[in-house]
Amino acid sequence: MVSRAKYITGTVNALQAKPGGGNEWLLSLRKVELQEAVAALCTLPGVGPKVAACIALFSLDQHSAIPVDTHVWQVTKSIGFYVLYLLN
């Protein structure tokens, strides 16, 4: 089992180091394009593309964000390849 505690404390420390204690930085991500918001969030410890998309969708008013975990991605790839195979 992977302990996420180190990521939580690392993220808190990273946010506290931002100007405004992280509040201003996080709020500023509401005003940028989704890709920029996700990239910025991914700089925080333990935050990857799926978690960043969840944060963007649920907390930053980025309604075009679509969180995709590894399982959904694998199914999508297999269906996509299957559809391409049927079309050939």
PDB file of N, CA and C in Angstrom:
ATOM      1  N   MET A   1       0.831  -1.175   0.000  1.00  0.00           N
ATOM      2  CA  MET A   1       0.000   0.000   0.000  1.00  0.00           C
ATOM      3  C   MET A   1       0.880   1.245   0.000  1.00  0.00           C
ATOM      4  N   VAL A   2       0.554   2.186  -0.856  1.00  0.00           N
ATOM      5  CA  VAL A   2       1.321   3.418  -0.973  1.00  0.00           C
ATOM      6  C   VAL A   2       0.774   4.440   0.018  1.00  0.00           C
ATOM      7  N   SER A   3       1.662   5.011   0.803  1.00  0.00           N
ATOM      8  CA  SER A   3       1.249   6.042   1.746  1.00  0.00           C
ATOM      9  C   SER A   3       1.175   7.386   1.030  1.00  0.00           C
ATOM     10  N   ARG A   4       0.044   8.010   1.123  1.00  0.00           N
ATOM     11  CA  ARG A   4      -0.146   9.313   0.490  1.00  0.00           C
ATOM     12  C   ARG A   4       0.157  10.468   1.440  1.00  0.00           C
ATOM     13  N   ALA A   5       0.464  10.154   2.696  1.00  0.00           N
ATOM     14  CA  ALA A   5       0.715  11.195   3.696  1.00  0.00           C
ATOM     15  C   ALA A   5       1.861  12.107   3.269  1.00  0.00           C
ATOM     16  N   LYS A   6       2.911  11.523   2.692  1.00  0.00           N
ATOM     17  CA  LYS A   6       4.051  12.356   2.284  1.00  0.00           C
ATOM     18  C   LYS A   6       3.649  13.327   1.172  1.00  0.00           C
ATOM     19  N   TYR A   7       2.702  12.930   0.326  1.00  0.00           N
ATOM     20  CA  TYR A   7       2.236  13.823  -0.723  1.00  0.00           C
ATOM     21  C   TYR A   7       1.387  14.949  -0.152  1.00  0.00           C
ATOM     22  N   ILE A   8       0.585  14.621   0.850  1.00  0.00           N
ATOM     23  CA  ILE A   8      -0.271  15.641   1.459  1.00  0.00           C
ATOM     24  C   ILE A   8       0.586  16.697   2.132  1.00  0.00           C
ATOM     25  N   THR A   9       1.548  16.263   2.928  1.00  0.00           N
ATOM     26  CA  THR A   9       2.400  17.247   3.601  1.00  0.00           C
ATOM     27  C   THR A   9       3.263  18.001   2.599  1.00  0.00           C
ATOM     28  N   GLY A  10       3.719  17.321   1.569  1.00  0.00           N
ATOM     29  CA  GLY A  10       4.509  17.996   0.532  1.00  0.00           C
ATOM     30  C   GLY A  10       3.696  19.038  -0.212  1.00  0.00           C
ATOM     31  N   THR A  11       2.440  18.721  -0.509  1.00  0.00           N
ATOM     32  CA  THR A  11       1.571  19.665  -1.203  1.00  0.00           C
ATOM     33  C   THR A  11       1.249  20.859  -0.314  1.00  0.00           C
ATOM     34  N   VAL A  12       0.985  20.606   0.968  1.00  0.00           N
ATOM     35  CA  VAL A  12       0.732  21.706   1.907  1.00  0.00           C
ATOM     36  C   VAL A  12       1.940  22.626   1.956  1.00  0.00           C
ATOM     37  N   ASN A  13       3.130  22.052   2.062  1.00  0.00           N
ATOM     38  CA  ASN A  13       4.350  22.867   2.104  1.00  0.00           C
ATOM     39  C   ASN A  13       4.532  23.657   0.812  1.00  0.00           C
ATOM     40  N   ALA A  14       4.271  23.007  -0.335  1.00  0.00           N
ATOM     41  CA  ALA A  14       4.418  23.693  -1.625  1.00  0.00           C
ATOM     42  C   ALA A  14       3.420  24.848  -1.742  1.00  0.00           C
ATOM     43  N   LEU A  15       2.202  24.625  -1.291  1.00  0.00           N
ATOM     44  CA  LEU A  15       1.191  25.688  -1.345  1.00  0.00           C
ATOM     45  C   LEU A  15       1.516  26.823  -0.391  1.00  0.00           C
ATOM     46  N   GLN A  16       2.016  26.497   0.791  1.00  0.00           N
ATOM     47  CA  GLN A  16       2.393  27.543   1.743  1.00  0.00           C
ATOM     48  C   GLN A  16       3.535  28.395   1.219  1.00  0.00           C
ATOM     49  N   ALA A  17       4.370  27.826   0.360  1.00  0.00           N
ATOM     50  CA  ALA A  17       5.502  28.566  -0.202  1.00  0.00           C
ATOM     51  C   ALA A  17       5.076  29.512  -1.324  1.00  0.00           C
ATOM     52  N   LYS A  18       3.878  29.338  -1.848  1.00  0.00           N
ATOM     53  CA  LYS A  18       3.382  30.207  -2.923  1.00  0.00           C
ATOM     54  C   LYS A  18       3.008  31.567  -2.346  1.00  0.00           C
ATOM     55  N   PRO A  19       3.125  32.620  -3.155  1.00  0.00           N
ATOM     56  CA  PRO A  19       2.669  33.935  -2.689  1.00  0.00           C
ATOM     57  C   PRO A  19       1.183  33.874  -2.316  1.00  0.00           C
ATOM     58  N   GLY A  20       0.836  34.410  -1.157  1.00  0.00           N
ATOM     59  CA  GLY A  20      -0.543  34.363  -0.685  1.00  0.00           C
ATOM     60  C   GLY A  20      -0.874  33.050   0.005  1.00  0.00           C
ATOM     61  N   GLY A  21       0.138  32.241   0.290  1.00  0.00           N
ATOM     62  CA  GLY A  21      -0.092  30.975   0.968  1.00  0.00           C
ATOM     63  C   GLY A  21      -0.786  29.937   0.119  1.00  0.00           C
ATOM     64  N   GLY A  22      -0.815  30.117  -1.152  1.00  0.00           N
ATOM     65  CA  GLY A  22      -1.448  29.159  -2.043  1.00  0.00           C
ATOM     66  C   GLY A  22      -2.839  29.569  -2.479  1.00  0.00           C
ATOM     67  N   ASN A  23      -3.551  30.341  -1.669  1.00  0.00           N
ATOM     68  CA  ASN A  23      -4.908  30.762  -2.028  1.00  0.00           C
ATOM     69  C   ASN A  23      -4.941  31.524  -3.341  1.00  0.00           C
ATOM     70  N   GLU A  24      -4.105  32.531  -3.460  1.00  0.00           N
ATOM     71  CA  GLU A  24      -4.074  33.343  -4.692  1.00  0.00           C
ATOM     72  C   GLU A  24      -3.684  32.493  -5.888  1.00  0.00           C
ATOM     73  N   TRP A  25      -2.704  31.635  -5.693  1.00  0.00           N
ATOM     74  CA  TRP A  25      -2.226  30.782  -6.785  1.00  0.00           C
ATOM     75  C   TRP A  25      -3.335  29.863  -7.268  1.00  0.00           C
ATOM     76  N   LEU A  26      -4.008  29.205  -6.320  1.00  0.00           N
ATOM     77  CA  LEU A  26      -5.094  28.304  -6.702  1.00  0.00           C
ATOM     78  C   LEU A  26      -6.237  29.061  -7.374  1.00  0.00           C
ATOM     79  N   LEU A  27      -6.614  30.196  -6.821  1.00  0.00           N
ATOM     80  CA  LEU A  27      -7.691  30.989  -7.424  1.00  0.00           C
ATOM     81  C   LEU A  27      -7.315  31.486  -8.815  1.00  0.00           C
ATOM     82  N   SER A  28      -6.035  31.761  -9.032  1.00  0.00           N
ATOM     83  CA  SER A  28      -5.596  32.229 -10.354  1.00  0.00           C
ATOM     84  C   SER A  28      -5.779  31.150 -11.423  1.00  0.00           C
ATOM     85  N   LEU A  29      -5.808  29.887 -11.007  1.00  0.00           N
ATOM     86  CA  LEU A  29      -5.967  28.795 -11.966  1.00  0.00           C
ATOM     87  C   LEU A  29      -7.374  28.734 -12.544  1.00  0.00           C
ATOM     88  N   ARG A  30      -8.309  29.453 -11.940  1.00  0.00           N
ATOM     89  CA  ARG A  30      -9.667  29.539 -12.492  1.00  0.00           C
ATOM     90  C   ARG A  30      -9.702  30.399 -13.751  1.00  0.00           C
ATOM     91  N   LYS A  31      -8.673  31.204 -13.945  1.00  0.00           N
ATOM     92  CA  LYS A  31      -8.671  32.173 -15.044  1.00  0.00           C
ATOM     93  C   LYS A  31      -7.820  31.742 -16.235  1.00  0.00           C
ATOM     94  N   VAL A  32      -7.229  30.562 -16.168  1.00  0.00           N
ATOM     95  CA  VAL A  32      -6.349  30.116 -17.251  1.00  0.00           C
ATOM     96  C   VAL A  32      -7.004  28.969 -18.003  1.00  0.00           C
ATOM     97  N   GLU A  33      -6.429  28.621 -19.139  1.00  0.00           N
ATOM     98  CA  GLU A  33      -6.922  27.487 -19.921  1.00  0.00           C
ATOM     99  C   GLU A  33      -6.728  26.194 -19.130  1.00  0.00           C
ATOM    100  N   LEU A  34      -7.563  25.217 -19.414  1.00  0.00           N
ATOM    101  CA  LEU A  34      -7.536  23.948 -18.693  1.00  0.00           C
ATOM    102  C   LEU A  34      -6.153  23.314 -18.708  1.00  0.00           C
ATOM    103  N   GLN A  35      -5.510  23.265 -19.866  1.00  0.00           N
ATOM    104  CA  GLN A  35      -4.194  22.620 -19.974  1.00  0.00           C
ATOM    105  C   GLN A  35      -3.178  23.290 -19.051  1.00  0.00           C
ATOM    106  N   GLU A  36      -3.241  24.610 -18.961  1.00  0.00           N
ATOM    107  CA  GLU A  36      -2.318  25.338 -18.094  1.00  0.00           C
ATOM    108  C   GLU A  36      -2.617  25.046 -16.619  1.00  0.00           C
ATOM    109  N   ALA A  37      -3.898  24.974 -16.267  1.00  0.00           N
ATOM    110  CA  ALA A  37      -4.284  24.677 -14.887  1.00  0.00           C
ATOM    111  C   ALA A  37      -3.816  23.278 -14.496  1.00  0.00           C
ATOM    112  N   VAL A  38      -4.041  22.306 -15.376  1.00  0.00           N
ATOM    113  CA  VAL A  38      -3.625  20.923 -15.091  1.00  0.00           C
ATOM    114  C   VAL A  38      -2.113  20.850 -14.969  1.00  0.00           C
ATOM    115  N   ALA A  39      -1.391  21.495 -15.850  1.00  0.00           N
ATOM    116  CA  ALA A  39       0.075  21.481 -15.791  1.00  0.00           C
ATOM    117  C   ALA A  39       0.567  22.105 -14.484  1.00  0.00           C
ATOM    118  N   ALA A  40      -0.047  23.196 -14.069  1.00  0.00           N
ATOM    119  CA  ALA A  40       0.348  23.852 -12.826  1.00  0.00           C
ATOM    120  C   ALA A  40       0.064  22.945 -11.627  1.00  0.00           C
ATOM    121  N   LEU A  41      -1.099  22.335 -11.606  1.00  0.00           N
ATOM    122  CA  LEU A  41      -1.448  21.439 -10.501  1.00  0.00           C
ATOM    123  C   LEU A  41      -0.528  20.228 -10.443  1.00  0.00           C
ATOM    124  N   CYS A  42      -0.084  19.754 -11.599  1.00  0.00           N
ATOM    125  CA  CYS A  42       0.808  18.590 -11.649  1.00  0.00           C
ATOM    126  C   CYS A  42       2.193  18.895 -11.088  1.00  0.00           C
ATOM    127  N   THR A  43       2.509  20.153 -10.822  1.00  0.00           N
ATOM    128  CA  THR A  43       3.786  20.492 -10.191  1.00  0.00           C
ATOM    129  C   THR A  43       3.754  20.233  -8.690  1.00  0.00           C
ATOM    130  N   LEU A  44       2.558  20.007  -8.149  1.00  0.00           N
ATOM    131  CA  LEU A  44       2.439  19.727  -6.717  1.00  0.00           C
ATOM    132  C   LEU A  44       2.761  18.258  -6.460  1.00  0.00           C
ATOM    133  N   PRO A  45       3.398  17.958  -5.322  1.00  0.00           N
ATOM    134  CA  PRO A  45       3.772  16.574  -5.017  1.00  0.00           C
ATOM    135  C   PRO A  45       2.561  15.638  -4.993  1.00  0.00           C
ATOM    136  N   GLY A  46       2.667  14.536  -5.716  1.00  0.00           N
ATOM    137  CA  GLY A  46       1.626  13.520  -5.713  1.00  0.00           C
ATOM    138  C   GLY A  46       0.428  13.814  -6.589  1.00  0.00           C
ATOM    139  N   VAL A  47       0.456  14.919  -7.308  1.00  0.00           N
ATOM    140  CA  VAL A  47      -0.671  15.275  -8.183  1.00  0.00           C
ATOM    141  C   VAL A  47      -0.305  14.919  -9.611  1.00  0.00           C
ATOM    142  N   GLY A  48      -1.075  13.994 -10.171  1.00  0.00           N
ATOM    143  CA  GLY A  48      -0.899  13.604 -11.565  1.00  0.00           C
ATOM    144  C   GLY A  48      -2.043  14.126 -12.404  1.00  0.00           C
ATOM    145  N   PRO A  49      -2.090  13.743 -13.661  1.00  0.00           N
ATOM    146  CA  PRO A  49      -3.119  14.265 -14.570  1.00  0.00           C
ATOM    147  C   PRO A  49      -4.554  14.008 -14.126  1.00  0.00           C
ATOM    148  N   LYS A  50      -4.841  12.822 -13.575  1.00  0.00           N
ATOM    149  CA  LYS A  50      -6.224  12.537 -13.167  1.00  0.00           C
ATOM    150  C   LYS A  50      -6.628  13.382 -11.975  1.00  0.00           C
ATOM    151  N   VAL A  51      -5.788  13.441 -10.953  1.00  0.00           N
ATOM    152  CA  VAL A  51      -6.097  14.237  -9.771  1.00  0.00           C
ATOM    153  C   VAL A  51      -6.196  15.713 -10.149  1.00  0.00           C
ATOM    154  N   ALA A  52      -5.293  16.172 -11.013  1.00  0.00           N
ATOM    155  CA  ALA A  52      -5.338  17.573 -11.453  1.00  0.00           C
ATOM    156  C   ALA A  52      -6.639  17.861 -12.192  1.00  0.00           C
ATOM    157  N   ALA A  53      -7.086  16.926 -13.030  1.00  0.00           N
ATOM    158  CA  ALA A  53      -8.351  17.116 -13.744  1.00  0.00           C
ATOM    159  C   ALA A  53      -9.526  17.133 -12.769  1.00  0.00           C
ATOM    160  N   CYS A  54      -9.486  16.296 -11.735  1.00  0.00           N
ATOM    161  CA  CYS A  54     -10.539  16.303 -10.714  1.00  0.00           C
ATOM    162  C   CYS A  54     -10.580  17.643  -9.989  1.00  0.00           C
ATOM    163  N   ILE A  55      -9.422  18.137  -9.598  1.00  0.00           N
ATOM    164  CA  ILE A  55      -9.349  19.433  -8.918  1.00  0.00           C
ATOM    165  C   ILE A  55      -9.873  20.535  -9.834  1.00  0.00           C
ATOM    166  N   ALA A  56      -9.439  20.512 -11.093  1.00  0.00           N
ATOM    167  CA  ALA A  56      -9.872  21.531 -12.051  1.00  0.00           C
ATOM    168  C   ALA A  56     -11.383  21.494 -12.246  1.00  0.00           C
ATOM    169  N   LEU A  57     -11.940  20.299 -12.364  1.00  0.00           N
ATOM    170  CA  LEU A  57     -13.374  20.149 -12.592  1.00  0.00           C
ATOM    171  C   LEU A  57     -14.195  20.558 -11.376  1.00  0.00           C
ATOM    172  N   PHE A  58     -13.833  20.055 -10.209  1.00  0.00           N
ATOM    173  CA  PHE A  58     -14.663  20.227  -9.023  1.00  0.00           C
ATOM    174  C   PHE A  58     -14.364  21.477  -8.210  1.00  0.00           C
ATOM    175  N   SER A  59     -13.185  22.072  -8.384  1.00  0.00           N
ATOM    176  CA  SER A  59     -12.824  23.207  -7.543  1.00  0.00           C
ATOM    177  C   SER A  59     -12.437  24.464  -8.298  1.00  0.00           C
ATOM    178  N   LEU A  60     -12.113  24.332  -9.581  1.00  0.00           N
ATOM    179  CA  LEU A  60     -11.606  25.496 -10.310  1.00  0.00           C
ATOM    180  C   LEU A  60     -12.519  25.923 -11.457  1.00  0.00           C
ATOM    181  N   ASP A  61     -13.744  25.434 -11.466  1.00  0.00           N
ATOM    182  CA  ASP A  61     -14.720  25.823 -12.493  1.00  0.00           C
ATOM    183  C   ASP A  61     -14.252  25.526 -13.913  1.00  0.00           C
ATOM    184  N   GLN A  62     -13.428  24.503 -14.066  1.00  0.00           N
ATOM    185  CA  GLN A  62     -12.955  24.085 -15.384  1.00  0.00           C
ATOM    186  C   GLN A  62     -13.865  22.948 -15.852  1.00  0.00           C
ATOM    187  N   HIS A  63     -15.046  23.303 -16.347  1.00  0.00           N
ATOM    188  CA  HIS A  63     -16.081  22.315 -16.635  1.00  0.00           C
ATOM    189  C   HIS A  63     -15.786  21.424 -17.845  1.00  0.00           C
ATOM    190  N   SER A  64     -14.746  21.725 -18.581  1.00  0.00           N
ATOM    191  CA  SER A  64     -14.397  20.862 -19.709  1.00  0.00           C
ATOM    192  C   SER A  64     -13.386  19.784 -19.317  1.00  0.00           C
ATOM    193  N   ALA A  65     -12.973  19.771 -18.047  1.00  0.00           N
ATOM    194  CA  ALA A  65     -12.026  18.753 -17.575  1.00  0.00           C
ATOM    195  C   ALA A  65     -12.723  17.397 -17.506  1.00  0.00           C
ATOM    196  N   ILE A  66     -12.030  16.370 -17.955  1.00  0.00           N
ATOM    197  CA  ILE A  66     -12.558  15.008 -17.901  1.00  0.00           C
ATOM    198  C   ILE A  66     -11.502  14.127 -17.230  1.00  0.00           C
ATOM    199  N   PRO A  67     -11.691  13.829 -15.945  1.00  0.00           N
ATOM    200  CA  PRO A  67     -10.730  12.964 -15.265  1.00  0.00           C
ATOM    201  C   PRO A  67     -10.787  11.542 -15.822  1.00  0.00           C
ATOM    202  N   VAL A  68      -9.634  11.012 -16.176  1.00  0.00           N
ATOM    203  CA  VAL A  68      -9.559   9.652 -16.731  1.00  0.00           C
ATOM    204  C   VAL A  68      -8.491   8.893 -15.959  1.00  0.00           C
ATOM    205  N   ASP A  69      -8.916   7.787 -15.328  1.00  0.00           N
ATOM    206  CA  ASP A  69      -7.930   6.966 -14.642  1.00  0.00           C
ATOM    207  C   ASP A  69      -7.373   5.927 -15.607  1.00  0.00           C
ATOM    208  N   THR A  70      -6.418   5.167 -15.135  1.00  0.00           N
ATOM    209  CA  THR A  70      -5.726   4.214 -15.996  1.00  0.00           C
ATOM    210  C   THR A  70      -6.665   3.132 -16.539  1.00  0.00           C
ATOM    211  N   HIS A  71      -7.665   2.749 -15.741  1.00  0.00           N
ATOM    212  CA  HIS A  71      -8.588   1.707 -16.183  1.00  0.00           C
ATOM    213  C   HIS A  71      -9.482   2.207 -17.318  1.00  0.00           C
ATOM    214  N   VAL A  72     -10.003   3.406 -17.173  1.00  0.00           N
ATOM    215  CA  VAL A  72     -10.828   3.995 -18.233  1.00  0.00           C
ATOM    216  C   VAL A  72      -9.993   4.176 -19.494  1.00  0.00           C
ATOM    217  N   TRP A  73      -8.757   4.609 -19.333  1.00  0.00           N
ATOM    218  CA  TRP A  73      -7.875   4.805 -20.489  1.00  0.00           C
ATOM    219  C   TRP A  73      -7.639   3.481 -21.229  1.00  0.00           C
ATOM    220  N   GLN A  74      -7.400   2.398 -20.491  1.00  0.00           N
ATOM    221  CA  GLN A  74      -7.163   1.097 -21.113  1.00  0.00           C
ATOM    222  C   GLN A  74      -8.390   0.623 -21.887  1.00  0.00           C
ATOM    223  N   VAL A  75      -9.576   0.800 -21.310  1.00  0.00           N
ATOM    224  CA  VAL A  75     -10.805   0.406 -22.001  1.00  0.00           C
ATOM    225  C   VAL A  75     -10.999   1.255 -23.252  1.00  0.00           C
ATOM    226  N   THR A  76     -10.776   2.545 -23.131  1.00  0.00           N
ATOM    227  CA  THR A  76     -10.934   3.447 -24.271  1.00  0.00           C
ATOM    228  C   THR A  76      -9.983   3.072 -25.400  1.00  0.00           C
ATOM    229  N   LYS A  77      -8.745   2.785 -25.038  1.00  0.00           N
ATOM    230  CA  LYS A  77      -7.772   2.381 -26.058  1.00  0.00           C
ATOM    231  C   LYS A  77      -8.208   1.099 -26.742  1.00  0.00           C
ATOM    232  N   SER A  78      -8.658   0.126 -25.961  1.00  0.00           N
ATOM    233  CA  SER A  78      -9.025  -1.148 -26.568  1.00  0.00           C
ATOM    234  C   SER A  78     -10.262  -0.999 -27.449  1.00  0.00           C
ATOM    235  N   ILE A  79     -11.228  -0.218 -27.034  1.00  0.00           N
ATOM    236  CA  ILE A  79     -12.415   0.018 -27.856  1.00  0.00           C
ATOM    237  C   ILE A  79     -12.036   0.789 -29.114  1.00  0.00           C
ATOM    238  N   GLY A  80     -11.178   1.782 -28.944  1.00  0.00           N
ATOM    239  CA  GLY A  80     -10.731   2.572 -30.091  1.00  0.00           C
ATOM    240  C   GLY A  80     -10.025   1.722 -31.126  1.00  0.00           C
ATOM    241  N   PHE A  81      -9.142   0.855 -30.664  1.00  0.00           N
ATOM    242  CA  PHE A  81      -8.427  -0.017 -31.585  1.00  0.00           C
ATOM    243  C   PHE A  81      -9.381  -1.011 -32.237  1.00  0.00           C
ATOM    244  N   TYR A  82     -10.360  -1.490 -31.487  1.00  0.00           N
ATOM    245  CA  TYR A  82     -11.333  -2.429 -32.016  1.00  0.00           C
ATOM    246  C   TYR A  82     -12.176  -1.761 -33.102  1.00  0.00           C
ATOM    247  N   VAL A  83     -12.584  -0.519 -32.863  1.00  0.00           N
ATOM    248  CA  VAL A  83     -13.376   0.214 -33.861  1.00  0.00           C
ATOM    249  C   VAL A  83     -12.554   0.436 -35.116  1.00  0.00           C
ATOM    250  N   LEU A  84     -11.287   0.813 -34.953  1.00  0.00           N
ATOM    251  CA  LEU A  84     -10.439   0.985 -36.120  1.00  0.00           C
ATOM    252  C   LEU A  84     -10.278  -0.314 -36.884  1.00  0.00           C
ATOM    253  N   TYR A  85     -10.182  -1.425 -36.160  1.00  0.00           N
ATOM    254  CA  TYR A  85     -10.056  -2.725 -36.802  1.00  0.00           C
ATOM    255  C   TYR A  85     -11.320  -3.045 -37.613  1.00  0.00           C
ATOM    256  N   LEU A  86     -12.485  -2.743 -37.066  1.00  0.00           N
ATOM    257  CA  LEU A  86     -13.741  -3.030 -37.778  1.00  0.00           C
ATOM    258  C   LEU A  86     -13.901  -2.161 -39.026  1.00  0.00           C
ATOM    259  N   LEU A  87     -13.349  -0.954 -38.990  1.00  0.00           N
ATOM    260  CA  LEU A  87     -13.493  -0.046 -40.131  1.00  0.00           C
ATOM    261  C   LEU A  87     -12.576  -0.425 -41.295  1.00  0.00           C
ATOM    262  N   ASN A  88     -11.546  -1.175 -41.030  1.00  0.00           N
ATOM    263  CA  ASN A  88     -10.602  -1.551 -42.088  1.00  0.00           C
ATOM    264  C   ASN A  88     -11.062  -2.712 -42.887  1.00  0.00           C
TER     265      ASN A  88
END
